Each structure stands twice: as C-alpha cells, then as structure tokens.
Amino acid sequence: MKQTKGKKPAKTGITDNLKKGITEMLVLAFLNEGDMTINDIIRCLDERSGGECKIIFPYSTVYRLLNNSYIVESEKRVSDNRRRQFYHITPKGKKYFAEMRREYNSFISGVDMIFSSLAE
C-alpha cells in the first residue's frame, strides 16, 4: 500500500476515525449506567466486547467529552489504595448520547440493507 509521507495508510485512517466516534458513544453509554473511573470504562469495554474493543488513548476521549460538557468530574474516591477520579454524564451528555445512538442505529441499518443486497 502506497503511503504519503507523514500520512497513515487509508485503512488505518478509516479505522481510527470509526473508533474515535464509536468510542465516545461507548464511554457515554457506560457513564449512562453510573459514575465510573477511566479504568472502569476501559475494563467494561474490554469485558463486554470480549476483548475486541480497546481504547488506546482514553484520556483524549474523556477530555473531548469534558470540553463539550457531556460529562463532568464527580467526586474522587479511594480505590485500590489510590484516589480515583470518577466521571458523571450530564443531562446534555444524555441527550447527545441518545442522538448518537439513534444516528448510529439508523446508519448501521442502512449499511446492513446495502450489504444484504450485494451478491456474494
């Protein structure tokens, strides 16, 4: 695969963009269930996906969500003898999550229709 200097191959770029959008939605989904630390989110993602979904840079996702007021820092609690920062989804984040989920379901439904119409 030909690679332009300083740019990732197309396959990697597509994968990265797909993961970025879905990761935000998954983080909001977990926080919609209750307050969590970043480590809790990573563990839930790994466990519930059977190890298929990984967040390489979870802090960038959390910071984007914080900057857009979709989540906030809640209290710090001691866990594993360390102080851990918990995060909480805001009403704005709940609305954003619901919108993202509707758009995701609609898009995936359309993609499924296309794939089912293609000859194998």
PDB file of N, CA and C in Angstrom:
ATOM      1  N   MET A   1       0.846  -1.172   0.000  1.00  0.00           N
ATOM      2  CA  MET A   1       0.000   0.000   0.000  1.00  0.00           C
ATOM      3  C   MET A   1       0.888   1.230   0.000  1.00  0.00           C
ATOM      4  N   LYS A   2       0.657   2.121  -0.934  1.00  0.00           N
ATOM      5  CA  LYS A   2       1.453   3.336  -1.045  1.00  0.00           C
ATOM      6  C   LYS A   2       1.098   4.282   0.099  1.00  0.00           C
ATOM      7  N   GLN A   3       2.123   4.844   0.700  1.00  0.00           N
ATOM      8  CA  GLN A   3       1.912   5.754   1.819  1.00  0.00           C
ATOM      9  C   GLN A   3       2.568   7.086   1.520  1.00  0.00           C
ATOM     10  N   THR A   4       1.798   8.167   1.690  1.00  0.00           N
ATOM     11  CA  THR A   4       2.321   9.510   1.520  1.00  0.00           C
ATOM     12  C   THR A   4       3.068   9.883   2.786  1.00  0.00           C
ATOM     13  N   LYS A   5       4.184  10.597   2.629  1.00  0.00           N
ATOM     14  CA  LYS A   5       4.995  10.992   3.777  1.00  0.00           C
ATOM     15  C   LYS A   5       4.144  11.734   4.808  1.00  0.00           C
ATOM     16  N   GLY A   6       4.212  11.228   6.062  1.00  0.00           N
ATOM     17  CA  GLY A   6       3.508  11.887   7.154  1.00  0.00           C
ATOM     18  C   GLY A   6       2.045  11.505   7.274  1.00  0.00           C
ATOM     19  N   LYS A   7       1.527  10.678   6.386  1.00  0.00           N
ATOM     20  CA  LYS A   7       0.124  10.275   6.455  1.00  0.00           C
ATOM     21  C   LYS A   7       0.032   8.783   6.669  1.00  0.00           C
ATOM     22  N   LYS A   8      -1.011   8.375   7.387  1.00  0.00           N
ATOM     23  CA  LYS A   8      -1.260   6.957   7.593  1.00  0.00           C
ATOM     24  C   LYS A   8      -1.892   6.376   6.343  1.00  0.00           C
ATOM     25  N   PRO A   9      -1.720   5.068   6.131  1.00  0.00           N
ATOM     26  CA  PRO A   9      -2.434   4.433   5.024  1.00  0.00           C
ATOM     27  C   PRO A   9      -3.936   4.611   5.210  1.00  0.00           C
ATOM     28  N   ALA A  10      -4.691   4.609   4.114  1.00  0.00           N
ATOM     29  CA  ALA A  10      -6.138   4.853   4.166  1.00  0.00           C
ATOM     30  C   ALA A  10      -6.842   3.924   5.133  1.00  0.00           C
ATOM     31  N   LYS A  11      -6.484   2.648   5.147  1.00  0.00           N
ATOM     32  CA  LYS A  11      -7.156   1.684   6.018  1.00  0.00           C
ATOM     33  C   LYS A  11      -7.031   2.101   7.488  1.00  0.00           C
ATOM     34  N   THR A  12      -5.846   2.487   7.902  1.00  0.00           N
ATOM     35  CA  THR A  12      -5.626   2.896   9.282  1.00  0.00           C
ATOM     36  C   THR A  12      -6.412   4.160   9.601  1.00  0.00           C
ATOM     37  N   GLY A  13      -6.447   5.126   8.686  1.00  0.00           N
ATOM     38  CA  GLY A  13      -7.187   6.362   8.918  1.00  0.00           C
ATOM     39  C   GLY A  13      -8.673   6.114   9.084  1.00  0.00           C
ATOM     40  N   ILE A  14      -9.244   5.245   8.258  1.00  0.00           N
ATOM     41  CA  ILE A  14     -10.659   4.914   8.358  1.00  0.00           C
ATOM     42  C   ILE A  14     -10.948   4.242   9.694  1.00  0.00           C
ATOM     43  N   THR A  15     -10.102   3.302  10.067  1.00  0.00           N
ATOM     44  CA  THR A  15     -10.279   2.588  11.331  1.00  0.00           C
ATOM     45  C   THR A  15     -10.201   3.558  12.498  1.00  0.00           C
ATOM     46  N   ASP A  16      -9.220   4.448  12.481  1.00  0.00           N
ATOM     47  CA  ASP A  16      -9.059   5.416  13.568  1.00  0.00           C
ATOM     48  C   ASP A  16     -10.285   6.319  13.700  1.00  0.00           C
ATOM     49  N   ASN A  17     -10.797   6.822  12.576  1.00  0.00           N
ATOM     50  CA  ASN A  17     -11.973   7.700  12.619  1.00  0.00           C
ATOM     51  C   ASN A  17     -13.212   6.961  13.114  1.00  0.00           C
ATOM     52  N   LEU A  18     -13.383   5.727  12.667  1.00  0.00           N
ATOM     53  CA  LEU A  18     -14.519   4.922  13.100  1.00  0.00           C
ATOM     54  C   LEU A  18     -14.454   4.684  14.608  1.00  0.00           C
ATOM     55  N   LYS A  19     -13.276   4.290  15.081  1.00  0.00           N
ATOM     56  CA  LYS A  19     -13.097   4.021  16.506  1.00  0.00           C
ATOM     57  C   LYS A  19     -13.329   5.274  17.349  1.00  0.00           C
ATOM     58  N   LYS A  20     -12.868   6.419  16.874  1.00  0.00           N
ATOM     59  CA  LYS A  20     -12.992   7.669  17.631  1.00  0.00           C
ATOM     60  C   LYS A  20     -14.455   7.999  17.901  1.00  0.00           C
ATOM     61  N   GLY A  21     -15.291   7.938  16.862  1.00  0.00           N
ATOM     62  CA  GLY A  21     -16.708   8.249  17.032  1.00  0.00           C
ATOM     63  C   GLY A  21     -17.443   7.235  17.893  1.00  0.00           C
ATOM     64  N   ILE A  22     -17.175   5.977  17.665  1.00  0.00           N
ATOM     65  CA  ILE A  22     -17.870   4.939  18.426  1.00  0.00           C
ATOM     66  C   ILE A  22     -17.393   4.920  19.870  1.00  0.00           C
ATOM     67  N   THR A  23     -16.114   5.199  20.096  1.00  0.00           N
ATOM     68  CA  THR A  23     -15.590   5.214  21.460  1.00  0.00           C
ATOM     69  C   THR A  23     -16.295   6.263  22.309  1.00  0.00           C
ATOM     70  N   GLU A  24     -16.533   7.449  21.756  1.00  0.00           N
ATOM     71  CA  GLU A  24     -17.265   8.473  22.508  1.00  0.00           C
ATOM     72  C   GLU A  24     -18.644   7.958  22.904  1.00  0.00           C
ATOM     73  N   MET A  25     -19.314   7.308  21.959  1.00  0.00           N
ATOM     74  CA  MET A  25     -20.647   6.792  22.231  1.00  0.00           C
ATOM     75  C   MET A  25     -20.595   5.709  23.317  1.00  0.00           C
ATOM     76  N   LEU A  26     -19.602   4.836  23.274  1.00  0.00           N
ATOM     77  CA  LEU A  26     -19.494   3.773  24.272  1.00  0.00           C
ATOM     78  C   LEU A  26     -19.172   4.326  25.657  1.00  0.00           C
ATOM     79  N   VAL A  27     -18.286   5.312  25.728  1.00  0.00           N
ATOM     80  CA  VAL A  27     -17.965   5.932  27.023  1.00  0.00           C
ATOM     81  C   VAL A  27     -19.241   6.541  27.618  1.00  0.00           C
ATOM     82  N   LEU A  28     -20.011   7.252  26.802  1.00  0.00           N
ATOM     83  CA  LEU A  28     -21.269   7.827  27.285  1.00  0.00           C
ATOM     84  C   LEU A  28     -22.249   6.735  27.700  1.00  0.00           C
ATOM     85  N   ALA A  29     -22.269   5.628  26.982  1.00  0.00           N
ATOM     86  CA  ALA A  29     -23.170   4.517  27.329  1.00  0.00           C
ATOM     87  C   ALA A  29     -22.832   3.969  28.716  1.00  0.00           C
ATOM     88  N   PHE A  30     -21.548   3.765  28.991  1.00  0.00           N
ATOM     89  CA  PHE A  30     -21.152   3.257  30.310  1.00  0.00           C
ATOM     90  C   PHE A  30     -21.476   4.256  31.410  1.00  0.00           C
ATOM     91  N   LEU A  31     -21.190   5.543  31.159  1.00  0.00           N
ATOM     92  CA  LEU A  31     -21.468   6.560  32.177  1.00  0.00           C
ATOM     93  C   LEU A  31     -22.970   6.765  32.360  1.00  0.00           C
ATOM     94  N   ASN A  32     -23.748   6.429  31.358  1.00  0.00           N
ATOM     95  CA  ASN A  32     -25.200   6.489  31.478  1.00  0.00           C
ATOM     96  C   ASN A  32     -25.702   5.461  32.497  1.00  0.00           C
ATOM     97  N   GLU A  33     -24.917   4.409  32.714  1.00  0.00           N
ATOM     98  CA  GLU A  33     -25.259   3.386  33.709  1.00  0.00           C
ATOM     99  C   GLU A  33     -24.855   3.802  35.116  1.00  0.00           C
ATOM    100  N   GLY A  34     -23.876   4.697  35.229  1.00  0.00           N
ATOM    101  CA  GLY A  34     -23.418   5.146  36.543  1.00  0.00           C
ATOM    102  C   GLY A  34     -22.033   5.751  36.447  1.00  0.00           C
ATOM    103  N   ASP A  35     -21.629   6.447  37.491  1.00  0.00           N
ATOM    104  CA  ASP A  35     -20.321   7.097  37.523  1.00  0.00           C
ATOM    105  C   ASP A  35     -19.217   6.041  37.484  1.00  0.00           C
ATOM    106  N   MET A  36     -18.146   6.359  36.773  1.00  0.00           N
ATOM    107  CA  MET A  36     -17.022   5.435  36.622  1.00  0.00           C
ATOM    108  C   MET A  36     -15.715   6.199  36.517  1.00  0.00           C
ATOM    109  N   THR A  37     -14.636   5.478  36.787  1.00  0.00           N
ATOM    110  CA  THR A  37     -13.297   5.997  36.524  1.00  0.00           C
ATOM    111  C   THR A  37     -12.916   5.600  35.097  1.00  0.00           C
ATOM    112  N   ILE A  38     -11.835   6.182  34.614  1.00  0.00           N
ATOM    113  CA  ILE A  38     -11.354   5.798  33.288  1.00  0.00           C
ATOM    114  C   ILE A  38     -10.983   4.317  33.266  1.00  0.00           C
ATOM    115  N   ASN A  39     -10.362   3.836  34.357  1.00  0.00           N
ATOM    116  CA  ASN A  39     -10.008   2.411  34.422  1.00  0.00           C
ATOM    117  C   ASN A  39     -11.248   1.526  34.378  1.00  0.00           C
ATOM    118  N   ASP A  40     -12.330   1.942  35.042  1.00  0.00           N
ATOM    119  CA  ASP A  40     -13.584   1.181  34.999  1.00  0.00           C
ATOM    120  C   ASP A  40     -14.116   1.111  33.568  1.00  0.00           C
ATOM    121  N   ILE A  41     -14.056   2.235  32.870  1.00  0.00           N
ATOM    122  CA  ILE A  41     -14.550   2.304  31.489  1.00  0.00           C
ATOM    123  C   ILE A  41     -13.745   1.363  30.595  1.00  0.00           C
ATOM    124  N   ILE A  42     -12.433   1.395  30.725  1.00  0.00           N
ATOM    125  CA  ILE A  42     -11.563   0.527  29.930  1.00  0.00           C
ATOM    126  C   ILE A  42     -11.876  -0.942  30.218  1.00  0.00           C
ATOM    127  N   ARG A  43     -12.032  -1.278  31.496  1.00  0.00           N
ATOM    128  CA  ARG A  43     -12.331  -2.659  31.889  1.00  0.00           C
ATOM    129  C   ARG A  43     -13.676  -3.114  31.327  1.00  0.00           C
ATOM    130  N   CYS A  44     -14.710  -2.271  31.436  1.00  0.00           N
ATOM    131  CA  CYS A  44     -16.042  -2.608  30.907  1.00  0.00           C
ATOM    132  C   CYS A  44     -15.998  -2.800  29.396  1.00  0.00           C
ATOM    133  N   LEU A  45     -15.293  -1.925  28.719  1.00  0.00           N
ATOM    134  CA  LEU A  45     -15.177  -2.019  27.265  1.00  0.00           C
ATOM    135  C   LEU A  45     -14.535  -3.339  26.865  1.00  0.00           C
ATOM    136  N   ASP A  46     -13.470  -3.693  27.538  1.00  0.00           N
ATOM    137  CA  ASP A  46     -12.768  -4.935  27.243  1.00  0.00           C
ATOM    138  C   ASP A  46     -13.644  -6.149  27.546  1.00  0.00           C
ATOM    139  N   GLU A  47     -14.256  -6.170  28.733  1.00  0.00           N
ATOM    140  CA  GLU A  47     -15.077  -7.311  29.148  1.00  0.00           C
ATOM    141  C   GLU A  47     -16.310  -7.486  28.271  1.00  0.00           C
ATOM    142  N   ARG A  48     -17.028  -6.413  28.034  1.00  0.00           N
ATOM    143  CA  ARG A  48     -18.298  -6.511  27.300  1.00  0.00           C
ATOM    144  C   ARG A  48     -18.109  -6.734  25.808  1.00  0.00           C
ATOM    145  N   SER A  49     -16.916  -6.446  25.297  1.00  0.00           N
ATOM    146  CA  SER A  49     -16.666  -6.669  23.864  1.00  0.00           C
ATOM    147  C   SER A  49     -15.905  -7.966  23.628  1.00  0.00           C
ATOM    148  N   GLY A  50     -15.662  -8.722  24.671  1.00  0.00           N
ATOM    149  CA  GLY A  50     -14.888  -9.948  24.522  1.00  0.00           C
ATOM    150  C   GLY A  50     -13.455  -9.664  24.104  1.00  0.00           C
ATOM    151  N   GLY A  51     -12.947  -8.500  24.487  1.00  0.00           N
ATOM    152  CA  GLY A  51     -11.578  -8.123  24.163  1.00  0.00           C
ATOM    153  C   GLY A  51     -11.402  -7.522  22.774  1.00  0.00           C
ATOM    154  N   GLU A  52     -12.495  -7.348  22.041  1.00  0.00           N
ATOM    155  CA  GLU A  52     -12.413  -6.830  20.668  1.00  0.00           C
ATOM    156  C   GLU A  52     -12.265  -5.311  20.600  1.00  0.00           C
ATOM    157  N   CYS A  53     -12.739  -4.612  21.605  1.00  0.00           N
ATOM    158  CA  CYS A  53     -12.685  -3.142  21.607  1.00  0.00           C
ATOM    159  C   CYS A  53     -11.687  -2.668  22.653  1.00  0.00           C
ATOM    160  N   LYS A  54     -10.761  -1.867  22.221  1.00  0.00           N
ATOM    161  CA  LYS A  54      -9.742  -1.310  23.113  1.00  0.00           C
ATOM    162  C   LYS A  54      -9.674   0.199  22.899  1.00  0.00           C
ATOM    163  N   ILE A  55      -9.429   0.930  23.971  1.00  0.00           N
ATOM    164  CA  ILE A  55      -9.190   2.365  23.871  1.00  0.00           C
ATOM    165  C   ILE A  55      -7.702   2.562  24.110  1.00  0.00           C
ATOM    166  N   ILE A  56      -7.013   3.057  23.087  1.00  0.00           N
ATOM    167  CA  ILE A  56      -5.575   3.254  23.214  1.00  0.00           C
ATOM    168  C   ILE A  56      -5.277   4.529  24.004  1.00  0.00           C
ATOM    169  N   PHE A  57      -6.000   5.604  23.723  1.00  0.00           N
ATOM    170  CA  PHE A  57      -5.811   6.878  24.419  1.00  0.00           C
ATOM    171  C   PHE A  57      -7.126   7.305  25.054  1.00  0.00           C
ATOM    172  N   PRO A  58      -7.517   6.694  26.174  1.00  0.00           N
ATOM    173  CA  PRO A  58      -8.820   7.011  26.757  1.00  0.00           C
ATOM    174  C   PRO A  58      -8.939   8.459  27.225  1.00  0.00           C
ATOM    175  N   TYR A  59      -7.833   9.059  27.624  1.00  0.00           N
ATOM    176  CA  TYR A  59      -7.899  10.420  28.149  1.00  0.00           C
ATOM    177  C   TYR A  59      -8.329  11.419  27.081  1.00  0.00           C
ATOM    178  N   SER A  60      -7.923  11.211  25.830  1.00  0.00           N
ATOM    179  CA  SER A  60      -8.332  12.149  24.781  1.00  0.00           C
ATOM    180  C   SER A  60      -9.846  12.111  24.587  1.00  0.00           C
ATOM    181  N   THR A  61     -10.446  10.933  24.662  1.00  0.00           N
ATOM    182  CA  THR A  61     -11.906  10.808  24.556  1.00  0.00           C
ATOM    183  C   THR A  61     -12.578  11.496  25.740  1.00  0.00           C
ATOM    184  N   VAL A  62     -12.099  11.230  26.934  1.00  0.00           N
ATOM    185  CA  VAL A  62     -12.684  11.829  28.140  1.00  0.00           C
ATOM    186  C   VAL A  62     -12.534  13.351  28.102  1.00  0.00           C
ATOM    187  N   TYR A  63     -11.378  13.848  27.692  1.00  0.00           N
ATOM    188  CA  TYR A  63     -11.188  15.300  27.635  1.00  0.00           C
ATOM    189  C   TYR A  63     -12.111  15.955  26.606  1.00  0.00           C
ATOM    190  N   ARG A  64     -12.320  15.293  25.451  1.00  0.00           N
ATOM    191  CA  ARG A  64     -13.264  15.833  24.453  1.00  0.00           C
ATOM    192  C   ARG A  64     -14.671  15.915  25.045  1.00  0.00           C
ATOM    193  N   LEU A  65     -15.077  14.871  25.750  1.00  0.00           N
ATOM    194  CA  LEU A  65     -16.414  14.854  26.352  1.00  0.00           C
ATOM    195  C   LEU A  65     -16.526  15.898  27.470  1.00  0.00           C
ATOM    196  N   LEU A  66     -15.470  16.066  28.244  1.00  0.00           N
ATOM    197  CA  LEU A  66     -15.448  17.108  29.290  1.00  0.00           C
ATOM    198  C   LEU A  66     -15.537  18.504  28.664  1.00  0.00           C
ATOM    199  N   ASN A  67     -14.756  18.740  27.625  1.00  0.00           N
ATOM    200  CA  ASN A  67     -14.731  20.059  26.975  1.00  0.00           C
ATOM    201  C   ASN A  67     -16.070  20.438  26.360  1.00  0.00           C
ATOM    202  N   ASN A  68     -16.848  19.445  25.967  1.00  0.00           N
ATOM    203  CA  ASN A  68     -18.171  19.700  25.387  1.00  0.00           C
ATOM    204  C   ASN A  68     -19.291  19.634  26.419  1.00  0.00           C
ATOM    205  N   SER A  69     -18.928  19.499  27.684  1.00  0.00           N
ATOM    206  CA  SER A  69     -19.877  19.438  28.806  1.00  0.00           C
ATOM    207  C   SER A  69     -20.836  18.250  28.716  1.00  0.00           C
ATOM    208  N   TYR A  70     -20.381  17.158  28.084  1.00  0.00           N
ATOM    209  CA  TYR A  70     -21.193  15.945  28.030  1.00  0.00           C
ATOM    210  C   TYR A  70     -20.976  15.109  29.290  1.00  0.00           C
ATOM    211  N   ILE A  71     -19.828  15.301  29.922  1.00  0.00           N
ATOM    212  CA  ILE A  71     -19.542  14.655  31.195  1.00  0.00           C
ATOM    213  C   ILE A  71     -18.872  15.680  32.108  1.00  0.00           C
ATOM    214  N   VAL A  72     -18.857  15.373  33.401  1.00  0.00           N
ATOM    215  CA  VAL A  72     -18.171  16.211  34.385  1.00  0.00           C
ATOM    216  C   VAL A  72     -17.416  15.298  35.342  1.00  0.00           C
ATOM    217  N   GLU A  73     -16.421  15.874  35.986  1.00  0.00           N
ATOM    218  CA  GLU A  73     -15.746  15.142  37.050  1.00  0.00           C
ATOM    219  C   GLU A  73     -16.675  15.127  38.246  1.00  0.00           C
ATOM    220  N   SER A  74     -16.882  13.948  38.813  1.00  0.00           N
ATOM    221  CA  SER A  74     -17.661  13.875  40.048  1.00  0.00           C
ATOM    222  C   SER A  74     -16.658  13.709  41.187  1.00  0.00           C
ATOM    223  N   GLU A  75     -17.032  13.057  42.251  1.00  0.00           N
ATOM    224  CA  GLU A  75     -16.124  13.003  43.392  1.00  0.00           C
ATOM    225  C   GLU A  75     -14.934  12.093  43.137  1.00  0.00           C
ATOM    226  N   LYS A  76     -13.912  12.294  43.958  1.00  0.00           N
ATOM    227  CA  LYS A  76     -12.757  11.401  43.963  1.00  0.00           C
ATOM    228  C   LYS A  76     -12.964  10.428  45.111  1.00  0.00           C
ATOM    229  N   ARG A  77     -12.698   9.150  44.842  1.00  0.00           N
ATOM    230  CA  ARG A  77     -12.859   8.119  45.861  1.00  0.00           C
ATOM    231  C   ARG A  77     -11.571   7.307  45.940  1.00  0.00           C
ATOM    232  N   VAL A  78     -11.356   6.698  47.104  1.00  0.00           N
ATOM    233  CA  VAL A  78     -10.205   5.822  47.259  1.00  0.00           C
ATOM    234  C   VAL A  78     -10.594   4.444  46.744  1.00  0.00           C
ATOM    235  N   SER A  79      -9.776   3.926  45.840  1.00  0.00           N
ATOM    236  CA  SER A  79      -9.970   2.596  45.270  1.00  0.00           C
ATOM    237  C   SER A  79      -8.586   2.014  45.041  1.00  0.00           C
ATOM    238  N   ASP A  80      -8.361   0.780  45.450  1.00  0.00           N
ATOM    239  CA  ASP A  80      -7.037   0.149  45.325  1.00  0.00           C
ATOM    240  C   ASP A  80      -5.974   1.011  46.007  1.00  0.00           C
ATOM    241  N   ASN A  81      -6.325   1.582  47.147  1.00  0.00           N
ATOM    242  CA  ASN A  81      -5.419   2.434  47.930  1.00  0.00           C
ATOM    243  C   ASN A  81      -4.927   3.661  47.167  1.00  0.00           C
ATOM    244  N   ARG A  82      -5.667   4.075  46.136  1.00  0.00           N
ATOM    245  CA  ARG A  82      -5.334   5.282  45.380  1.00  0.00           C
ATOM    246  C   ARG A  82      -6.595   6.109  45.229  1.00  0.00           C
ATOM    247  N   ARG A  83      -6.410   7.410  45.121  1.00  0.00           N
ATOM    248  CA  ARG A  83      -7.559   8.290  44.848  1.00  0.00           C
ATOM    249  C   ARG A  83      -7.876   8.208  43.370  1.00  0.00           C
ATOM    250  N   ARG A  84      -9.110   7.912  43.066  1.00  0.00           N
ATOM    251  CA  ARG A  84      -9.545   7.772  41.674  1.00  0.00           C
ATOM    252  C   ARG A  84     -10.578   8.834  41.346  1.00  0.00           C
ATOM    253  N   GLN A  85     -10.457   9.412  40.144  1.00  0.00           N
ATOM    254  CA  GLN A  85     -11.415  10.411  39.663  1.00  0.00           C
ATOM    255  C   GLN A  85     -12.567   9.703  38.974  1.00  0.00           C
ATOM    256  N   PHE A  86     -13.777   9.976  39.432  1.00  0.00           N
ATOM    257  CA  PHE A  86     -14.978   9.424  38.800  1.00  0.00           C
ATOM    258  C   PHE A  86     -15.573  10.480  37.876  1.00  0.00           C
ATOM    259  N   TYR A  87     -16.234  10.000  36.835  1.00  0.00           N
ATOM    260  CA  TYR A  87     -16.867  10.872  35.848  1.00  0.00           C
ATOM    261  C   TYR A  87     -18.357  10.588  35.816  1.00  0.00           C
ATOM    262  N   HIS A  88     -19.122  11.634  35.506  1.00  0.00           N
ATOM    263  CA  HIS A  88     -20.588  11.585  35.540  1.00  0.00           C
ATOM    264  C   HIS A  88     -21.129  12.188  34.243  1.00  0.00           C
ATOM    265  N   ILE A  89     -22.113  11.533  33.646  1.00  0.00           N
ATOM    266  CA  ILE A  89     -22.728  12.064  32.430  1.00  0.00           C
ATOM    267  C   ILE A  89     -23.701  13.191  32.807  1.00  0.00           C
ATOM    268  N   THR A  90     -23.700  14.253  32.035  1.00  0.00           N
ATOM    269  CA  THR A  90     -24.586  15.397  32.286  1.00  0.00           C
ATOM    270  C   THR A  90     -25.897  15.212  31.510  1.00  0.00           C
ATOM    271  N   PRO A  91     -26.924  16.017  31.819  1.00  0.00           N
ATOM    272  CA  PRO A  91     -28.152  15.962  31.008  1.00  0.00           C
ATOM    273  C   PRO A  91     -27.857  16.227  29.521  1.00  0.00           C
ATOM    274  N   LYS A  92     -26.947  17.164  29.240  1.00  0.00           N
ATOM    275  CA  LYS A  92     -26.545  17.433  27.861  1.00  0.00           C
ATOM    276  C   LYS A  92     -25.891  16.193  27.251  1.00  0.00           C
ATOM    277  N   GLY A  93     -25.096  15.475  28.035  1.00  0.00           N
ATOM    278  CA  GLY A  93     -24.448  14.248  27.575  1.00  0.00           C
ATOM    279  C   GLY A  93     -25.456  13.137  27.314  1.00  0.00           C
ATOM    280  N   LYS A  94     -26.483  13.049  28.162  1.00  0.00           N
ATOM    281  CA  LYS A  94     -27.534  12.038  27.952  1.00  0.00           C
ATOM    282  C   LYS A  94     -28.277  12.308  26.645  1.00  0.00           C
ATOM    283  N   LYS A  95     -28.554  13.572  26.385  1.00  0.00           N
ATOM    284  CA  LYS A  95     -29.240  13.936  25.141  1.00  0.00           C
ATOM    285  C   LYS A  95     -28.348  13.636  23.939  1.00  0.00           C
ATOM    286  N   TYR A  96     -27.078  14.009  24.032  1.00  0.00           N
ATOM    287  CA  TYR A  96     -26.123  13.755  22.964  1.00  0.00           C
ATOM    288  C   TYR A  96     -25.985  12.247  22.714  1.00  0.00           C
ATOM    289  N   PHE A  97     -25.909  11.460  23.798  1.00  0.00           N
ATOM    290  CA  PHE A  97     -25.799  10.008  23.670  1.00  0.00           C
ATOM    291  C   PHE A  97     -27.028   9.434  22.955  1.00  0.00           C
ATOM    292  N   ALA A  98     -28.216   9.887  23.327  1.00  0.00           N
ATOM    293  CA  ALA A  98     -29.445   9.396  22.683  1.00  0.00           C
ATOM    294  C   ALA A  98     -29.443   9.731  21.190  1.00  0.00           C
ATOM    295  N   GLU A  99     -29.016  10.944  20.848  1.00  0.00           N
ATOM    296  CA  GLU A  99     -28.937  11.348  19.435  1.00  0.00           C
ATOM    297  C   GLU A  99     -27.913  10.508  18.674  1.00  0.00           C
ATOM    298  N   MET A 100     -26.750  10.302  19.277  1.00  0.00           N
ATOM    299  CA  MET A 100     -25.705   9.496  18.644  1.00  0.00           C
ATOM    300  C   MET A 100     -26.188   8.066  18.417  1.00  0.00           C
ATOM    301  N   ARG A 101     -26.875   7.525  19.411  1.00  0.00           N
ATOM    302  CA  ARG A 101     -27.343   6.144  19.301  1.00  0.00           C
ATOM    303  C   ARG A 101     -28.388   6.003  18.197  1.00  0.00           C
ATOM    304  N   ARG A 102     -29.293   6.981  18.097  1.00  0.00           N
ATOM    305  CA  ARG A 102     -30.289   6.952  17.009  1.00  0.00           C
ATOM    306  C   ARG A 102     -29.600   7.023  15.643  1.00  0.00           C
ATOM    307  N   GLU A 103     -28.656   7.938  15.508  1.00  0.00           N
ATOM    308  CA  GLU A 103     -27.935   8.077  14.243  1.00  0.00           C
ATOM    309  C   GLU A 103     -27.143   6.810  13.920  1.00  0.00           C
ATOM    310  N   TYR A 104     -26.502   6.241  14.919  1.00  0.00           N
ATOM    311  CA  TYR A 104     -25.732   5.010  14.731  1.00  0.00           C
ATOM    312  C   TYR A 104     -26.649   3.877  14.260  1.00  0.00           C
ATOM    313  N   ASN A 105     -27.763   3.676  14.964  1.00  0.00           N
ATOM    314  CA  ASN A 105     -28.696   2.598  14.602  1.00  0.00           C
ATOM    315  C   ASN A 105     -29.247   2.789  13.193  1.00  0.00           C
ATOM    316  N   SER A 106     -29.577   4.007  12.835  1.00  0.00           N
ATOM    317  CA  SER A 106     -30.096   4.297  11.502  1.00  0.00           C
ATOM    318  C   SER A 106     -29.042   4.018  10.438  1.00  0.00           C
ATOM    319  N   PHE A 107     -27.828   4.471  10.675  1.00  0.00           N
ATOM    320  CA  PHE A 107     -26.748   4.275   9.715  1.00  0.00           C
ATOM    321  C   PHE A 107     -26.421   2.796   9.548  1.00  0.00           C
ATOM    322  N   ILE A 108     -26.298   2.081  10.662  1.00  0.00           N
ATOM    323  CA  ILE A 108     -25.978   0.648  10.607  1.00  0.00           C
ATOM    324  C   ILE A 108     -27.095  -0.117   9.910  1.00  0.00           C
ATOM    325  N   SER A 109     -28.329   0.285  10.129  1.00  0.00           N
ATOM    326  CA  SER A 109     -29.459  -0.350   9.442  1.00  0.00           C
ATOM    327  C   SER A 109     -29.328  -0.176   7.930  1.00  0.00           C
ATOM    328  N   GLY A 110     -28.983   1.021   7.508  1.00  0.00           N
ATOM    329  CA  GLY A 110     -28.781   1.287   6.081  1.00  0.00           C
ATOM    330  C   GLY A 110     -27.632   0.482   5.506  1.00  0.00           C
ATOM    331  N   VAL A 111     -26.523   0.394   6.240  1.00  0.00           N
ATOM    332  CA  VAL A 111     -25.383  -0.387   5.790  1.00  0.00           C
ATOM    333  C   VAL A 111     -25.759  -1.860   5.667  1.00  0.00           C
ATOM    334  N   ASP A 112     -26.509  -2.371   6.650  1.00  0.00           N
ATOM    335  CA  ASP A 112     -26.964  -3.764   6.598  1.00  0.00           C
ATOM    336  C   ASP A 112     -27.837  -4.024   5.370  1.00  0.00           C
ATOM    337  N   MET A 113     -28.715  -3.066   5.039  1.00  0.00           N
ATOM    338  CA  MET A 113     -29.559  -3.217   3.848  1.00  0.00           C
ATOM    339  C   MET A 113     -28.693  -3.284   2.585  1.00  0.00           C
ATOM    340  N   ILE A 114     -27.689  -2.441   2.517  1.00  0.00           N
ATOM    341  CA  ILE A 114     -26.788  -2.456   1.356  1.00  0.00           C
ATOM    342  C   ILE A 114     -26.059  -3.780   1.271  1.00  0.00           C
ATOM    343  N   PHE A 115     -25.475  -4.224   2.388  1.00  0.00           N
ATOM    344  CA  PHE A 115     -24.720  -5.482   2.368  1.00  0.00           C
ATOM    345  C   PHE A 115     -25.617  -6.668   2.006  1.00  0.00           C
ATOM    346  N   SER A 116     -26.856  -6.665   2.497  1.00  0.00           N
ATOM    347  CA  SER A 116     -27.739  -7.791   2.196  1.00  0.00           C
ATOM    348  C   SER A 116     -28.180  -7.789   0.729  1.00  0.00           C
ATOM    349  N   SER A 117     -28.084  -6.647   0.065  1.00  0.00           N
ATOM    350  CA  SER A 117     -28.487  -6.577  -1.353  1.00  0.00           C
ATOM    351  C   SER A 117     -27.343  -6.912  -2.310  1.00  0.00           C
ATOM    352  N   LEU A 118     -26.138  -7.005  -1.791  1.00  0.00           N
ATOM    353  CA  LEU A 118     -24.982  -7.293  -2.627  1.00  0.00           C
ATOM    354  C   LEU A 118     -24.839  -8.793  -2.859  1.00  0.00           C
ATOM    355  N   ALA A 119     -24.431  -9.145  -4.048  1.00  0.00           N
ATOM    356  CA  ALA A 119     -24.164 -10.545  -4.364  1.00  0.00           C
ATOM    357  C   ALA A 119     -22.840 -10.938  -3.719  1.00  0.00           C
ATOM    358  N   GLU A 120     -22.786 -12.145  -3.221  1.00  0.00           N
ATOM    359  CA  GLU A 120     -21.533 -12.587  -2.591  1.00  0.00           C
ATOM    360  C   GLU A 120     -20.668 -13.328  -3.527  1.00  0.00           C
TER     361      GLU A 120
END
